[in-house]
C-alpha cells in the first residue's frame, strides 16, 4: 500500500514523462523541472515539520517527567523535614513537661505534688510508658482516591473509642497524644488529630491494656472494616510510650462593660 507522499509524488510526475519527450522537439523542458523542484521542496518541508513536531513532543514529555520527579523530590524532602520537627517537638515537650512538674513540686507539698502528677497523667499533658496495645490500620491495597476503601476519620474514632472502653489510661495516634481538648476529624482526604494532618499507616497506641482485644469489640470492629472496605490492620501487645500532649490554658469570655 502506497503512502500519501508516494501517491502525491506519483500523481505529480505521472504526466511529465511524455511531455518531456515532446518538449525536446518543440521547446525547453523548464516547466517539468520547475514542477519537480516544487514537489521536492514540498516534501522536504513536510519532513522538516514532522521532525520538528516529533522533537517538540519528545521535549514536552521529558519536561513533564522532569517536573514530576522534581515535585516528588520536594514532597519527600518536606515529609522528612516534618518528621524531624515532630521528633524535636516530642523531645522538647517531654523536657517542658518535666520542668513543669518540678516547679509544681517545688511550690506544693508532697501530697499536692503527687495529686498534680496523677492529674497530669489523666489529662494527657505528661509522657507515659508501660504495657499496652498498638493498633495499626491502613487503606486497602487497591484503594482509589476518594473511595470508601481508605481509612476515614470515623474509623480512627471508632478504634480509639473501643480502646478507651477496654480501659486505656492514655491514647496517642501517630505520636499525637489525645487529651480532653483533642479532636479526630477529616479535612478532604486527610485525617487531622490536634489539627495536625496524619500520614498513613495510622498507628494507635493505648497504654494500660494487656489484651489484644480478641475477646472484646476491637477484633470485631477490625474484622468488619476488613470485610466491608478491605482495610488492613494489625494488633500488637507490648510496651508502649505515649508523648506528652499539648497543654492549653482555658479561655473565658470577658465582659467589655457595655450593654448586652
Protein backbone atom coordinates (compact mmCIF):
# COMPACT_ATOMS: atom_id res chain seq x y z
CA UNK A 1 0.00 0.00 0.00
CA UNK A 2 1.41 3.37 -1.03
CA UNK A 3 1.81 6.16 1.46
CA UNK A 4 0.28 9.59 0.99
CA UNK A 5 3.66 11.05 -0.01
CA UNK A 6 4.28 8.27 -2.58
CA UNK A 7 0.83 8.79 -4.16
CA UNK A 8 1.35 12.54 -4.23
CA UNK A 9 4.74 12.17 -5.95
CA UNK A 10 3.37 9.65 -8.48
CA UNK A 11 0.41 11.86 -9.43
CA UNK A 12 2.56 14.98 -9.69
CA UNK A 13 5.14 13.41 -12.00
CA UNK A 14 2.99 10.94 -13.98
CA UNK A 15 2.21 13.32 -16.85
CA UNK A 16 5.64 14.86 -17.07
CA UNK A 17 7.44 11.98 -18.77
CA UNK A 18 5.53 12.19 -22.14
CA UNK A 19 5.70 15.98 -22.00
CA UNK A 20 9.44 15.78 -21.59
CA UNK A 21 9.73 13.69 -24.79
CA UNK A 22 7.78 16.14 -26.91
CA UNK A 23 9.41 19.17 -25.34
CA UNK A 24 12.78 18.06 -26.68
CA UNK A 25 11.43 18.73 -30.15
CA UNK A 26 9.20 21.70 -29.55
CA UNK A 27 10.69 23.63 -26.66
CA UNK A 28 12.57 23.84 -23.31
CA UNK A 29 11.83 21.26 -20.51
CA UNK A 30 11.91 24.07 -17.99
CA UNK A 31 8.27 23.57 -16.89
CA UNK A 32 8.86 19.94 -16.00
CA UNK A 33 11.94 20.82 -13.96
CA UNK A 34 10.10 23.52 -12.04
CA UNK A 35 7.29 21.13 -11.17
CA UNK A 36 9.72 18.51 -9.91
CA UNK A 37 11.58 21.05 -7.82
CA UNK A 38 8.34 22.27 -6.26
CA UNK A 39 7.36 18.71 -5.36
CA UNK A 40 10.76 18.00 -3.80
CA UNK A 41 10.72 21.24 -1.82
CA UNK A 42 7.22 20.46 -0.54
CA UNK A 43 8.30 17.00 0.55
CA UNK A 44 11.34 18.45 2.28
CA UNK A 45 9.20 20.97 4.15
CA UNK A 46 6.81 18.23 5.23
CA UNK A 47 9.74 16.21 6.52
CA UNK A 48 11.10 19.19 8.46
CA UNK A 49 7.66 19.84 10.02
CA UNK A 50 7.34 16.19 11.04
CA UNK A 51 10.80 16.17 12.62
CA UNK A 52 10.15 19.44 14.47
CA UNK A 53 6.81 18.10 15.77
CA UNK A 54 8.42 14.87 16.97
CA UNK A 55 11.22 16.74 18.75
CA UNK A 56 8.72 19.11 20.38
CA UNK A 57 6.60 16.21 21.63
CA UNK A 58 9.65 14.43 23.00
CA UNK A 59 10.85 17.59 24.70
CA UNK A 60 7.41 18.14 26.25
CA UNK A 61 7.30 14.59 27.65
CA UNK A 62 10.81 14.87 29.08
CA UNK A 63 9.95 18.24 30.61
CA UNK A 64 6.82 16.85 32.29
CA UNK A 65 8.75 13.86 33.61
CA UNK A 66 11.45 16.16 34.97
CA UNK A 67 8.87 18.40 36.65
CA UNK A 68 7.10 15.41 38.20
CA UNK A 69 10.37 14.00 39.54
CA UNK A 70 11.26 17.41 40.98
CA UNK A 71 7.88 17.69 42.74
CA UNK A 72 8.20 14.18 44.16
CA UNK A 73 11.64 15.06 45.48
CA UNK A 74 10.35 18.23 47.11
CA UNK A 75 7.41 16.44 48.75
CA UNK A 76 9.70 13.70 50.07
CA UNK A 77 12.09 16.28 51.49
CA UNK A 78 9.22 18.13 53.17
CA UNK A 79 7.93 14.89 54.72
CA UNK A 80 11.41 14.21 56.12
CA UNK A 81 11.59 17.75 57.48
CA UNK A 82 8.17 17.45 59.14
CA UNK A 83 9.10 14.08 60.69
CA UNK A 84 12.32 15.53 62.11
CA UNK A 85 10.47 18.55 63.51
CA UNK A 86 7.84 16.31 65.09
CA UNK A 87 10.55 14.31 66.84
CA UNK A 88 12.12 17.53 68.06
CA UNK A 89 8.76 18.77 69.32
CA UNK A 90 8.24 15.49 71.20
CA UNK A 91 11.62 15.80 72.90
CA UNK A 92 11.05 19.45 73.81
CA UNK A 93 7.56 18.63 75.06
CA UNK A 94 8.95 15.98 77.40
CA UNK A 95 11.52 18.46 78.69
CA UNK A 96 8.90 21.14 79.29
CA UNK A 97 6.67 18.60 80.99
CA UNK A 98 9.45 17.63 83.40
CA UNK A 99 10.23 21.25 84.21
CA UNK A 100 6.55 21.96 84.84
CA UNK A 101 6.30 19.09 87.31
CA UNK A 102 9.49 20.22 89.05
CA UNK A 103 8.03 23.69 89.53
CA UNK A 104 4.78 22.28 90.85
CA UNK A 105 6.56 20.00 93.30
CA UNK A 106 8.72 22.89 94.50
CA UNK A 107 5.69 25.10 95.07
CA UNK A 108 3.48 22.49 96.71
CA UNK A 109 3.74 19.87 99.39
CA UNK A 110 4.44 16.20 98.80
CA UNK A 111 0.77 15.25 98.76
CA UNK A 112 -0.19 18.05 96.40
CA UNK A 113 2.67 17.20 94.01
CA UNK A 114 1.57 13.57 93.82
CA UNK A 115 -2.01 14.60 93.10
CA UNK A 116 -0.87 17.01 90.40
CA UNK A 117 1.22 14.26 88.78
CA UNK A 118 -1.77 11.93 88.70
CA UNK A 119 -3.94 14.64 87.17
CA UNK A 120 -1.25 15.31 84.56
CA UNK A 121 -1.28 11.63 83.56
CA UNK A 122 -5.06 11.57 83.28
CA UNK A 123 -5.28 14.79 81.27
CA UNK A 124 -2.51 13.66 78.92
CA UNK A 125 -0.04 16.51 79.46
CA UNK A 126 2.78 14.23 80.60
CA UNK A 127 4.57 11.40 78.78
CA UNK A 128 3.70 7.85 79.80
CA UNK A 129 5.32 4.44 79.29
CA UNK A 130 4.17 0.94 80.13
CA UNK A 131 2.32 -2.11 78.85
CA UNK A 132 -0.29 -1.51 76.22
CA UNK A 133 -1.59 -2.22 72.74
CA UNK A 134 -0.55 -0.91 69.32
CA UNK A 135 -3.22 -0.96 66.58
CA UNK A 136 -2.07 -0.25 63.02
CA UNK A 137 -4.63 0.33 60.27
CA UNK A 138 -4.11 1.22 56.61
CA UNK A 139 -6.01 1.64 53.35
CA UNK A 140 -6.99 -1.31 51.19
CA UNK A 141 -4.17 -2.35 48.80
CA UNK A 142 -6.17 -1.26 45.72
CA UNK A 143 -7.85 1.79 47.27
CA UNK A 144 -8.64 4.65 44.90
CA UNK A 145 -8.54 8.32 45.94
CA UNK A 146 -11.88 9.39 47.35
CA UNK A 147 -13.19 5.83 47.74
CA UNK A 148 -14.50 4.19 50.91
CA UNK A 149 -11.64 1.69 50.77
CA UNK A 150 -9.45 4.23 52.54
CA UNK A 151 -9.18 4.84 56.29
CA UNK A 152 -11.57 7.62 57.32
CA UNK A 153 -11.62 9.78 60.43
CA UNK A 154 -14.63 7.88 61.77
CA UNK A 155 -12.67 4.62 61.53
CA UNK A 156 -9.91 6.03 63.73
CA UNK A 157 -12.53 7.45 66.10
CA UNK A 158 -14.16 4.03 66.43
CA UNK A 159 -10.83 2.35 67.21
CA UNK A 160 -9.93 4.99 69.81
CA UNK A 161 -13.35 4.75 71.49
CA UNK A 162 -13.04 0.96 71.68
CA UNK A 163 -9.59 1.28 73.30
CA UNK A 164 -10.99 3.70 75.88
CA UNK A 165 -13.77 1.22 76.56
CA UNK A 166 -11.19 -1.53 77.09
CA UNK A 167 -9.63 0.50 79.89
CA UNK A 168 -6.87 2.55 78.27
CA UNK A 169 -5.39 5.26 80.50
CA UNK A 170 -3.78 7.11 77.61
CA UNK A 171 -4.02 7.04 73.79
CA UNK A 172 -1.91 8.53 71.00
CA UNK A 173 -2.49 8.47 67.24
CA UNK A 174 0.66 8.81 65.11
CA UNK A 175 2.51 10.47 68.01
CA UNK A 176 -0.38 12.87 68.64
CA UNK A 177 -1.46 12.46 72.28
CA UNK A 178 -5.19 12.63 72.89
CA UNK A 179 -6.37 14.99 75.63
CA UNK A 180 -9.74 16.38 76.64
CA UNK A 181 -9.29 19.10 74.01
CA UNK A 182 -8.30 16.72 71.18
CA UNK A 183 -10.41 16.10 68.10
CA UNK A 184 -10.19 13.50 65.35
CA UNK A 185 -11.68 14.87 62.18
CA UNK A 186 -11.40 14.74 58.41
CA UNK A 187 -10.38 17.54 56.06
CA UNK A 188 -10.79 16.44 52.47
CA UNK A 189 -8.89 13.17 52.22
CA UNK A 190 -6.66 13.95 55.22
CA UNK A 191 -7.20 12.91 58.83
CA UNK A 192 -6.41 15.52 61.47
CA UNK A 193 -5.63 14.94 65.14
CA UNK A 194 -5.00 18.03 67.27
CA UNK A 195 -5.31 19.92 63.97
CA UNK A 196 -2.23 18.11 62.63
CA UNK A 197 -2.50 16.05 59.40
CA UNK A 198 -1.51 12.40 59.75
CA UNK A 199 0.33 10.15 57.33
CA UNK A 200 -0.74 6.57 56.70
CA UNK A 201 -0.50 3.96 58.04
CA UNK A 202 -2.31 5.13 61.15
CA UNK A 203 -0.80 3.81 64.40
CA UNK A 204 -2.94 4.00 67.56
CA UNK A 205 -1.07 3.34 70.83
CA UNK A 206 -3.04 2.70 74.01
CA UNK A 207 -1.47 2.43 77.46
CA UNK A 208 -2.90 0.27 80.23
CA UNK A 209 -4.34 -2.55 78.10
CA UNK A 210 -2.81 -6.01 78.36
CA UNK A 211 -5.17 -7.75 75.93
CA UNK A 212 -5.13 -7.73 72.14
CA UNK A 213 -8.89 -7.32 72.15
CA UNK A 214 -9.68 -10.70 70.58
CA UNK A 215 -12.39 -11.25 73.17
CA UNK A 216 -13.62 -7.64 73.02
CA UNK A 217 -15.21 -5.43 70.41
CA UNK A 218 -11.86 -4.37 68.92
CA UNK A 219 -11.41 -7.59 66.94
CA UNK A 220 -14.99 -7.43 65.72
CA UNK A 221 -14.53 -3.81 64.65
CA UNK A 222 -11.31 -4.51 62.71
CA UNK A 223 -12.84 -7.60 61.05
CA UNK A 224 -15.83 -5.53 59.98
CA UNK A 225 -13.60 -2.85 58.44
CA UNK A 226 -11.61 -5.53 56.60
CA UNK A 227 -14.67 -7.30 55.20
CA UNK A 228 -16.61 -4.18 54.23
CA UNK A 229 -13.82 -1.96 52.91
CA UNK A 230 -10.69 -4.11 52.67
CA UNK A 231 -8.80 -2.13 55.31
CA UNK A 232 -5.59 -3.76 56.55
CA UNK A 233 -4.99 -3.85 60.32
CA UNK A 234 -2.63 -5.37 62.87
CA UNK A 235 -2.69 -5.54 66.68
CA UNK A 236 0.39 -5.97 68.88
CA UNK A 237 0.66 -6.23 72.67
CA UNK A 238 3.77 -4.90 74.40
CA UNK A 239 5.41 -1.86 75.95
CA UNK A 240 4.31 1.46 74.51
CA UNK A 241 5.37 5.06 75.03
CA UNK A 242 2.99 7.98 74.71
CA UNK A 243 4.29 11.52 74.15
CA UNK A 244 3.10 14.40 76.27
CA UNK A 245 0.09 16.22 74.93
CA UNK A 246 -0.15 19.94 74.36
CA UNK A 247 -1.14 21.94 77.42
CA UNK A 248 -3.67 24.63 76.60
CA UNK A 249 -4.78 27.26 79.05
CA UNK A 250 -8.57 27.58 79.19
CA UNK A 251 -10.01 30.75 77.76
CA UNK A 252 -13.05 32.51 79.10
CA UNK A 253 -15.20 35.24 77.63
CA UNK A 254 -14.64 38.62 79.26
CA UNK A 255 -17.22 41.34 79.60
CA UNK A 256 -16.32 44.61 77.90
CA UNK A 257 -18.56 46.60 80.23
CA UNK A 258 -21.05 47.55 77.54
CA UNK A 259 -24.75 46.80 77.49
CA UNK A 260 -25.71 43.28 76.39
